[in-house]
Structure formats: structure tokens, C-alpha cells
């Protein structure tokens, strides 16, 4: 399974990439919304983890553009802030608060894979 990890913090990208590759996933990274859309088109990932707050194009706009092109692709929103109350209106497939402990993210990915 190919996963695209999108975050503007390079240390988060490195951590998530290493952890997810240890789980056996092929991981691509992007550190901006613009780069995420480019990697999405080129690599055709099976799942995306997407930071909400980014400097160029925010994660919500990236999510909309990705879902317009491929409504079936699972997208997990990542953020350092708890937006759970606002989350119900978004069309993503999951929501995870960022942490150096990726247990919750890995469990969410597994749940999405198991649903397929």
C-alpha cells in the first residue's frame, strides 16, 4: 500500500515516513499543499495523511481538490489542534491529532484498510 504523508514540518515527515515504512507501507512525502497535489497526481497513493494548517494551500483545500479528482481515496486529516467539533462537516475518512506516538494513526490506517 502506498501512503502519501503531507506536513509542512520536516521532522514530522521523517518520523511518520520511518514509522509507516517499518509497518511495511511505501511512503511518499510532501511538505506543502502544492507539492501534495503534485505527488498525488504522479504517485497515485492508496491513502493520504494530510496536515490541516500549511502555509501555501491549507489541508482543507487540498482535501477538496483530491476528493474532486478521486472521491474514493481515503484521507486522514492530521493536526496539532483538536478540531473534532468542526470535523463532522469535512469529507475526510479520519481525523488524528498529531503525536510522536503513532499508535492512533496506525490504528486509523488499519481500520480504513480493513473496510476496503
N, C-alpha and C. Protein backbone atom coordinates (compact mmCIF):
# COMPACT_ATOMS: atom_id res chain seq x y z
N UNK A 1 0.84 -1.19 0.00
CA UNK A 1 0.00 0.00 0.00
C UNK A 1 0.89 1.24 0.00
N UNK A 2 0.53 2.21 -0.85
CA UNK A 2 1.27 3.46 -0.95
C UNK A 2 0.54 4.55 -0.15
N UNK A 3 1.29 5.22 0.73
CA UNK A 3 0.73 6.28 1.56
C UNK A 3 1.48 7.58 1.27
N UNK A 4 0.72 8.65 1.08
CA UNK A 4 1.28 9.99 0.95
C UNK A 4 1.10 10.71 2.28
N UNK A 5 2.21 11.15 2.87
CA UNK A 5 2.18 11.89 4.12
C UNK A 5 2.47 13.35 3.80
N UNK A 6 1.56 14.24 4.20
CA UNK A 6 1.69 15.66 3.89
C UNK A 6 1.76 16.45 5.19
N UNK A 7 2.85 17.18 5.36
CA UNK A 7 3.02 18.03 6.55
C UNK A 7 4.10 19.05 6.24
N UNK A 8 3.94 20.27 6.74
CA UNK A 8 4.94 21.30 6.48
C UNK A 8 6.11 21.23 7.46
N UNK A 9 6.05 20.36 8.44
CA UNK A 9 7.15 20.19 9.40
C UNK A 9 7.99 18.98 8.98
N UNK A 10 9.24 19.24 8.58
CA UNK A 10 10.08 18.17 8.03
C UNK A 10 10.37 17.07 9.05
N UNK A 11 10.48 17.42 10.34
CA UNK A 11 10.74 16.38 11.35
C UNK A 11 9.54 15.45 11.50
N UNK A 12 8.34 15.98 11.34
CA UNK A 12 7.13 15.13 11.36
C UNK A 12 7.14 14.19 10.15
N UNK A 13 7.49 14.72 8.98
CA UNK A 13 7.54 13.89 7.78
C UNK A 13 8.51 12.73 7.95
N UNK A 14 9.70 13.02 8.49
CA UNK A 14 10.71 11.97 8.67
C UNK A 14 10.22 10.91 9.65
N UNK A 15 9.64 11.34 10.77
CA UNK A 15 9.15 10.40 11.77
C UNK A 15 8.05 9.52 11.20
N UNK A 16 7.05 10.14 10.58
CA UNK A 16 5.92 9.39 10.03
C UNK A 16 6.37 8.45 8.92
N UNK A 17 7.28 8.92 8.07
CA UNK A 17 7.77 8.07 6.99
C UNK A 17 8.48 6.84 7.56
N UNK A 18 9.37 7.05 8.51
CA UNK A 18 10.12 5.93 9.10
C UNK A 18 9.18 4.93 9.78
N UNK A 19 8.24 5.44 10.57
CA UNK A 19 7.31 4.56 11.30
C UNK A 19 6.41 3.77 10.35
N UNK A 20 5.89 4.44 9.33
CA UNK A 20 4.98 3.76 8.40
C UNK A 20 5.73 2.79 7.49
N UNK A 21 6.97 3.13 7.12
CA UNK A 21 7.76 2.18 6.34
C UNK A 21 8.09 0.94 7.17
N UNK A 22 8.31 1.12 8.48
CA UNK A 22 8.53 -0.02 9.38
C UNK A 22 7.31 -0.94 9.42
N UNK A 23 6.14 -0.38 9.14
CA UNK A 23 4.90 -1.18 9.11
C UNK A 23 4.71 -1.87 7.75
N UNK A 24 5.61 -1.58 6.81
CA UNK A 24 5.54 -2.24 5.51
C UNK A 24 4.91 -1.42 4.40
N UNK A 25 4.58 -0.17 4.67
CA UNK A 25 3.98 0.69 3.66
C UNK A 25 5.06 1.36 2.81
N UNK A 26 4.72 1.67 1.56
CA UNK A 26 5.55 2.53 0.72
C UNK A 26 5.09 3.95 1.00
N UNK A 27 6.02 4.83 1.38
CA UNK A 27 5.62 6.16 1.83
C UNK A 27 6.25 7.23 0.94
N UNK A 28 5.40 8.15 0.49
CA UNK A 28 5.83 9.35 -0.22
C UNK A 28 5.53 10.52 0.70
N UNK A 29 6.32 11.59 0.60
CA UNK A 29 6.09 12.75 1.45
C UNK A 29 5.96 14.02 0.62
N UNK A 30 5.27 14.99 1.21
CA UNK A 30 5.15 16.32 0.62
C UNK A 30 5.10 17.31 1.77
N UNK A 31 5.83 18.44 1.63
CA UNK A 31 5.83 19.40 2.74
C UNK A 31 5.06 20.69 2.43
N UNK A 32 4.14 20.61 1.46
CA UNK A 32 3.26 21.75 1.18
C UNK A 32 2.02 21.22 0.45
N UNK A 33 0.99 22.03 0.44
CA UNK A 33 -0.21 21.64 -0.28
C UNK A 33 0.03 21.48 -1.77
N UNK A 34 0.79 22.40 -2.33
CA UNK A 34 1.10 22.34 -3.76
C UNK A 34 1.86 21.06 -4.09
N UNK A 35 2.88 20.76 -3.29
CA UNK A 35 3.66 19.54 -3.52
C UNK A 35 2.79 18.30 -3.33
N UNK A 36 1.87 18.34 -2.36
CA UNK A 36 0.98 17.21 -2.13
C UNK A 36 0.15 16.90 -3.37
N UNK A 37 -0.38 17.93 -4.00
CA UNK A 37 -1.18 17.72 -5.21
C UNK A 37 -0.34 17.16 -6.35
N UNK A 38 0.91 17.60 -6.45
CA UNK A 38 1.81 17.08 -7.48
C UNK A 38 2.14 15.61 -7.24
N UNK A 39 2.48 15.25 -5.99
CA UNK A 39 2.82 13.87 -5.65
C UNK A 39 1.59 12.98 -5.82
N UNK A 40 0.42 13.49 -5.42
CA UNK A 40 -0.83 12.75 -5.58
C UNK A 40 -1.04 12.36 -7.04
N UNK A 41 -0.85 13.30 -7.95
CA UNK A 41 -1.03 13.03 -9.39
C UNK A 41 0.01 12.04 -9.91
N UNK A 42 1.25 12.20 -9.48
CA UNK A 42 2.34 11.39 -10.02
C UNK A 42 2.35 9.97 -9.45
N UNK A 43 2.19 9.82 -8.15
CA UNK A 43 2.40 8.53 -7.49
C UNK A 43 1.13 7.71 -7.27
N UNK A 44 -0.04 8.35 -7.37
CA UNK A 44 -1.32 7.65 -7.18
C UNK A 44 -1.34 6.84 -5.88
N UNK A 45 -1.22 7.51 -4.73
CA UNK A 45 -1.20 6.78 -3.45
C UNK A 45 -2.55 6.12 -3.17
N UNK A 46 -2.53 5.14 -2.27
CA UNK A 46 -3.75 4.43 -1.86
C UNK A 46 -4.43 5.11 -0.68
N UNK A 47 -3.67 5.93 0.06
CA UNK A 47 -4.17 6.61 1.25
C UNK A 47 -3.32 7.85 1.47
N UNK A 48 -3.92 8.88 2.04
CA UNK A 48 -3.20 10.13 2.30
C UNK A 48 -3.41 10.54 3.75
N UNK A 49 -2.31 10.96 4.41
CA UNK A 49 -2.43 11.65 5.69
C UNK A 49 -2.11 13.11 5.39
N UNK A 50 -2.95 14.01 5.85
CA UNK A 50 -2.90 15.39 5.39
C UNK A 50 -2.99 16.37 6.56
N UNK A 51 -1.94 17.16 6.73
CA UNK A 51 -1.93 18.21 7.75
C UNK A 51 -2.95 19.28 7.38
N UNK A 52 -3.60 19.85 8.36
CA UNK A 52 -4.60 20.88 8.09
C UNK A 52 -3.96 22.25 7.87
N UNK A 53 -3.10 22.67 8.80
CA UNK A 53 -2.53 24.00 8.71
C UNK A 53 -1.19 23.97 7.99
N UNK A 54 -1.17 24.52 6.78
CA UNK A 54 0.05 24.63 5.99
C UNK A 54 0.11 26.03 5.40
N UNK A 55 1.32 26.53 5.13
CA UNK A 55 1.45 27.92 4.70
C UNK A 55 0.95 28.26 3.30
N UNK A 56 1.02 27.34 2.35
CA UNK A 56 0.64 27.72 0.99
C UNK A 56 -0.84 27.42 0.71
N UNK A 57 -1.19 26.16 0.64
CA UNK A 57 -2.58 25.75 0.45
C UNK A 57 -2.94 24.92 1.68
N UNK A 58 -3.96 25.31 2.41
CA UNK A 58 -4.27 24.56 3.63
C UNK A 58 -4.84 23.18 3.29
N UNK A 59 -4.80 22.31 4.29
CA UNK A 59 -5.21 20.93 4.10
C UNK A 59 -6.64 20.75 3.66
N UNK A 60 -7.52 21.64 4.09
CA UNK A 60 -8.93 21.54 3.70
C UNK A 60 -9.08 21.76 2.19
N UNK A 61 -8.37 22.75 1.65
CA UNK A 61 -8.42 23.00 0.21
C UNK A 61 -7.79 21.84 -0.56
N UNK A 62 -6.68 21.30 -0.05
CA UNK A 62 -6.05 20.15 -0.69
C UNK A 62 -7.01 18.96 -0.67
N UNK A 63 -7.65 18.74 0.46
CA UNK A 63 -8.62 17.65 0.59
C UNK A 63 -9.72 17.77 -0.47
N UNK A 64 -10.26 18.96 -0.63
CA UNK A 64 -11.32 19.18 -1.62
C UNK A 64 -10.84 18.85 -3.03
N UNK A 65 -9.64 19.31 -3.36
CA UNK A 65 -9.11 19.07 -4.71
C UNK A 65 -8.84 17.59 -4.94
N UNK A 66 -8.33 16.92 -3.94
CA UNK A 66 -8.05 15.48 -4.07
C UNK A 66 -9.36 14.71 -4.23
N UNK A 67 -10.35 15.04 -3.41
CA UNK A 67 -11.62 14.32 -3.46
C UNK A 67 -12.38 14.60 -4.76
N UNK A 68 -12.17 15.78 -5.36
CA UNK A 68 -12.77 16.05 -6.67
C UNK A 68 -12.19 15.13 -7.74
N UNK A 69 -10.89 14.85 -7.63
CA UNK A 69 -10.21 14.01 -8.62
C UNK A 69 -10.41 12.52 -8.34
N UNK A 70 -10.48 12.16 -7.07
CA UNK A 70 -10.64 10.75 -6.69
C UNK A 70 -11.43 10.67 -5.39
N UNK A 71 -12.77 10.65 -5.48
CA UNK A 71 -13.60 10.64 -4.26
C UNK A 71 -13.41 9.39 -3.40
N UNK A 72 -12.84 8.33 -3.98
CA UNK A 72 -12.70 7.06 -3.25
C UNK A 72 -11.45 6.99 -2.39
N UNK A 73 -10.46 7.86 -2.62
CA UNK A 73 -9.21 7.74 -1.88
C UNK A 73 -9.40 8.13 -0.41
N UNK A 74 -8.96 7.28 0.51
CA UNK A 74 -9.08 7.62 1.93
C UNK A 74 -8.08 8.71 2.30
N UNK A 75 -8.56 9.70 3.06
CA UNK A 75 -7.72 10.79 3.54
C UNK A 75 -7.92 10.92 5.04
N UNK A 76 -6.81 10.90 5.77
CA UNK A 76 -6.82 11.10 7.22
C UNK A 76 -6.26 12.49 7.49
N UNK A 77 -7.03 13.33 8.13
CA UNK A 77 -6.58 14.68 8.46
C UNK A 77 -5.74 14.62 9.72
N UNK A 78 -4.61 15.32 9.70
CA UNK A 78 -3.70 15.40 10.84
C UNK A 78 -3.61 16.85 11.30
N UNK A 79 -3.62 17.07 12.60
CA UNK A 79 -3.46 18.41 13.11
C UNK A 79 -2.95 18.39 14.53
N UNK A 80 -2.30 19.46 14.91
CA UNK A 80 -1.84 19.60 16.29
C UNK A 80 -2.97 20.12 17.17
N UNK A 81 -4.05 20.56 16.56
CA UNK A 81 -5.18 21.14 17.28
C UNK A 81 -6.38 20.21 17.21
N UNK A 82 -7.19 20.24 18.22
CA UNK A 82 -8.36 19.36 18.25
C UNK A 82 -9.56 20.10 17.65
N UNK A 83 -9.84 19.81 16.38
CA UNK A 83 -10.96 20.41 15.66
C UNK A 83 -12.16 19.47 15.61
N UNK A 84 -12.25 18.54 16.52
CA UNK A 84 -13.25 17.48 16.44
C UNK A 84 -14.67 18.01 16.22
N UNK A 85 -15.01 19.15 16.82
CA UNK A 85 -16.37 19.69 16.64
C UNK A 85 -16.62 20.10 15.20
N UNK A 86 -15.61 20.62 14.52
CA UNK A 86 -15.75 21.05 13.13
C UNK A 86 -15.60 19.89 12.15
N UNK A 87 -15.04 18.80 12.62
CA UNK A 87 -14.68 17.68 11.75
C UNK A 87 -15.87 17.07 11.04
N UNK A 88 -17.03 17.09 11.64
CA UNK A 88 -18.19 16.42 11.06
C UNK A 88 -18.58 16.96 9.68
N UNK A 89 -18.18 18.17 9.35
CA UNK A 89 -18.56 18.74 8.06
C UNK A 89 -17.52 18.46 6.97
N UNK A 90 -16.39 17.87 7.33
CA UNK A 90 -15.36 17.59 6.35
C UNK A 90 -15.59 16.23 5.72
N UNK A 91 -15.09 16.03 4.53
CA UNK A 91 -15.32 14.78 3.82
C UNK A 91 -14.12 13.84 3.90
N UNK A 92 -13.32 13.97 4.94
CA UNK A 92 -12.19 13.07 5.07
C UNK A 92 -12.66 11.76 5.70
N UNK A 93 -11.77 10.79 5.72
CA UNK A 93 -12.11 9.46 6.22
C UNK A 93 -11.64 9.22 7.64
N UNK A 94 -10.90 10.15 8.18
CA UNK A 94 -10.40 10.01 9.54
C UNK A 94 -9.80 11.30 10.02
N UNK A 95 -9.53 11.35 11.30
CA UNK A 95 -9.02 12.55 11.94
C UNK A 95 -8.11 12.11 13.07
N UNK A 96 -6.86 12.55 13.08
CA UNK A 96 -5.91 12.17 14.12
C UNK A 96 -5.18 13.42 14.59
N UNK A 97 -5.12 13.60 15.92
CA UNK A 97 -4.33 14.68 16.49
C UNK A 97 -2.87 14.23 16.46
N UNK A 98 -1.99 15.09 15.93
CA UNK A 98 -0.57 14.74 15.79
C UNK A 98 0.05 14.39 17.13
N UNK A 99 0.95 13.42 17.06
CA UNK A 99 1.66 12.98 18.25
C UNK A 99 2.92 12.25 17.79
N UNK A 100 3.93 12.22 18.65
CA UNK A 100 5.12 11.43 18.32
C UNK A 100 4.83 9.94 18.50
N UNK A 101 3.74 9.61 19.19
CA UNK A 101 3.28 8.23 19.32
C UNK A 101 2.26 8.00 18.20
N UNK A 102 2.62 7.16 17.24
CA UNK A 102 1.78 6.97 16.06
C UNK A 102 0.77 5.83 16.20
N UNK A 103 0.55 5.36 17.41
CA UNK A 103 -0.38 4.25 17.63
C UNK A 103 -1.77 4.57 17.08
N UNK A 104 -2.28 5.75 17.37
CA UNK A 104 -3.62 6.14 16.92
C UNK A 104 -3.67 6.25 15.39
N UNK A 105 -2.65 6.83 14.79
CA UNK A 105 -2.61 6.95 13.33
C UNK A 105 -2.55 5.56 12.68
N UNK A 106 -1.69 4.71 13.19
CA UNK A 106 -1.56 3.36 12.63
C UNK A 106 -2.88 2.60 12.76
N UNK A 107 -3.57 2.76 13.88
CA UNK A 107 -4.86 2.09 14.07
C UNK A 107 -5.90 2.62 13.09
N UNK A 108 -5.90 3.94 12.85
CA UNK A 108 -6.84 4.53 11.92
C UNK A 108 -6.56 4.04 10.50
N UNK A 109 -5.29 3.96 10.12
CA UNK A 109 -4.94 3.44 8.80
C UNK A 109 -5.42 2.01 8.66
N UNK A 110 -5.18 1.19 9.68
CA UNK A 110 -5.59 -0.21 9.64
C UNK A 110 -7.10 -0.33 9.51
N UNK A 111 -7.86 0.50 10.25
CA UNK A 111 -9.33 0.48 10.16
C UNK A 111 -9.80 0.78 8.74
N UNK A 112 -9.17 1.77 8.12
CA UNK A 112 -9.55 2.16 6.76
C UNK A 112 -9.22 1.03 5.79
N UNK A 113 -8.05 0.43 5.92
CA UNK A 113 -7.66 -0.69 5.06
C UNK A 113 -8.63 -1.85 5.23
N UNK A 114 -8.98 -2.16 6.46
CA UNK A 114 -9.88 -3.28 6.74
C UNK A 114 -11.27 -3.06 6.17
N UNK A 115 -11.71 -1.80 6.06
CA UNK A 115 -13.02 -1.50 5.49
C UNK A 115 -13.07 -1.76 3.99
N UNK A 116 -11.88 -1.62 3.34
CA UNK A 116 -11.82 -1.82 1.89
C UNK A 116 -12.02 -3.24 1.61
